[in-house]
């Protein structure tokens, strides 16, 4: 069973940037789809960005043009977040699966807080 560990969350001012990392316990991201999801207090978990094994990506409308998902190597996934807004505040989760919408393995999450 693969393990995923997120890092890079923290407190940032509106307009700032953060880069989240997701480290997998074995080589994975070259053969499986992956995604970043987030869950804000009182809301459902939602897809932020996904990447398929072939490299194609998709983004939520709310982050299009501000966030970028990319693979560093076969063990690491990143989410570059620019022009952050207070509404981006949430716990961000890394996940892998057959597609970005069919995730079967999750990390424990990292908290991102954007102050106004």
Protein backbone atom coordinates (compact mmCIF):
# COMPACT_ATOMS: atom_id res chain seq x y z
CA UNK A 1 0.00 0.00 0.00
CA UNK A 2 1.49 3.33 -1.06
CA UNK A 3 1.67 6.16 1.45
CA UNK A 4 1.35 9.83 0.52
CA UNK A 5 2.67 12.67 2.66
CA UNK A 6 1.82 16.28 1.93
CA UNK A 7 3.88 19.27 3.02
CA UNK A 8 4.26 22.97 2.30
CA UNK A 9 1.09 24.33 3.80
CA UNK A 10 1.05 27.34 6.07
CA UNK A 11 -0.17 30.87 6.58
CA UNK A 12 0.18 33.34 3.73
CA UNK A 13 -1.25 36.76 2.94
CA UNK A 14 -3.71 37.31 0.15
CA UNK A 15 -1.85 37.58 -3.14
CA UNK A 16 0.99 35.41 -1.94
CA UNK A 17 2.25 32.04 -3.14
CA UNK A 18 2.83 28.58 -1.74
CA UNK A 19 4.10 25.33 -3.20
CA UNK A 20 2.65 22.11 -1.86
CA UNK A 21 4.52 18.83 -2.16
CA UNK A 22 3.30 15.26 -2.06
CA UNK A 23 5.83 12.50 -1.50
CA UNK A 24 4.92 8.92 -2.33
CA UNK A 25 6.47 5.91 -0.62
CA UNK A 26 7.21 4.31 -3.99
CA UNK A 27 7.45 5.26 -7.65
CA UNK A 28 3.94 6.04 -8.62
CA UNK A 29 3.25 9.28 -10.37
CA UNK A 30 4.55 8.16 -13.76
CA UNK A 31 2.01 5.34 -13.94
CA UNK A 32 -1.01 6.59 -12.00
CA UNK A 33 -3.21 9.61 -12.14
CA UNK A 34 -2.92 12.06 -9.28
CA UNK A 35 -4.77 15.04 -7.97
CA UNK A 36 -4.95 17.73 -5.36
CA UNK A 37 -8.24 18.17 -3.55
CA UNK A 38 -9.19 20.58 -0.82
CA UNK A 39 -11.77 20.76 1.91
CA UNK A 40 -12.75 23.99 3.60
CA UNK A 41 -14.59 24.02 6.94
CA UNK A 42 -18.20 23.02 6.48
CA UNK A 43 -17.75 22.17 2.83
CA UNK A 44 -17.28 19.02 0.80
CA UNK A 45 -13.91 17.94 -0.52
CA UNK A 46 -13.44 19.28 -4.04
CA UNK A 47 -11.02 18.67 -6.88
CA UNK A 48 -8.49 21.46 -7.30
CA UNK A 49 -6.19 20.03 -9.97
CA UNK A 50 -5.57 16.67 -11.57
CA UNK A 51 -2.90 15.13 -13.73
CA UNK A 52 -3.13 11.92 -15.71
CA UNK A 53 -0.31 9.45 -16.26
CA UNK A 54 0.19 10.88 -19.75
CA UNK A 55 0.62 14.36 -18.35
CA UNK A 56 -2.63 16.04 -19.25
CA UNK A 57 -3.99 18.31 -16.55
CA UNK A 58 -7.31 19.78 -15.48
CA UNK A 59 -8.22 22.46 -12.98
CA UNK A 60 -11.20 23.74 -11.07
CA UNK A 61 -12.53 26.96 -12.58
CA UNK A 62 -11.79 28.77 -9.32
CA UNK A 63 -8.03 28.12 -9.58
CA UNK A 64 -7.49 28.08 -13.36
CA UNK A 65 -4.58 30.35 -14.22
CA UNK A 66 -3.40 30.63 -10.61
CA UNK A 67 -2.51 27.05 -9.67
CA UNK A 68 -0.26 24.57 -11.48
CA UNK A 69 0.00 20.84 -10.83
CA UNK A 70 3.17 19.09 -11.92
CA UNK A 71 5.34 16.08 -11.22
CA UNK A 72 8.87 16.55 -9.94
CA UNK A 73 9.89 12.92 -10.36
CA UNK A 74 8.18 9.54 -10.10
CA UNK A 75 7.81 9.96 -6.33
CA UNK A 76 6.82 13.60 -6.00
CA UNK A 77 3.83 15.70 -6.97
CA UNK A 78 3.55 19.45 -6.58
CA UNK A 79 0.91 22.15 -6.55
CA UNK A 80 2.18 25.66 -7.20
CA UNK A 81 -0.34 28.16 -5.90
CA UNK A 82 -0.06 31.82 -6.89
CA UNK A 83 -2.27 34.85 -6.28
CA UNK A 84 -3.83 33.15 -3.29
CA UNK A 85 -7.16 34.35 -2.01
CA UNK A 86 -8.83 33.94 1.39
CA UNK A 87 -11.32 31.55 -0.21
CA UNK A 88 -8.42 29.20 -0.99
CA UNK A 89 -8.13 28.48 2.74
CA UNK A 90 -8.61 24.75 3.25
CA UNK A 91 -6.91 21.48 4.03
CA UNK A 92 -5.27 20.29 0.82
CA UNK A 93 -5.04 16.57 0.09
CA UNK A 94 -2.93 14.66 -2.38
CA UNK A 95 -4.43 11.55 -3.92
CA UNK A 96 -3.77 8.92 -6.57
CA UNK A 97 -5.97 6.57 -8.54
CA UNK A 98 -7.10 5.49 -11.95
CA UNK A 99 -8.17 9.06 -12.84
CA UNK A 100 -8.16 12.39 -10.98
CA UNK A 101 -11.83 11.76 -10.23
CA UNK A 102 -11.33 8.18 -9.04
CA UNK A 103 -8.93 8.46 -6.12
CA UNK A 104 -8.26 5.41 -3.97
CA UNK A 105 -5.27 6.55 -1.91
CA UNK A 106 -5.14 9.77 0.09
CA UNK A 107 -2.60 11.63 2.13
CA UNK A 108 -3.49 13.14 5.50
CA UNK A 109 -3.55 16.70 4.21
CA UNK A 110 -1.79 19.99 4.79
CA UNK A 111 -3.49 23.17 5.96
CA UNK A 112 -3.34 26.32 3.86
CA UNK A 113 -4.57 29.54 5.43
CA UNK A 114 -4.79 32.73 3.40
CA UNK A 115 -5.29 35.91 5.37
CA UNK A 116 -6.98 38.98 3.92
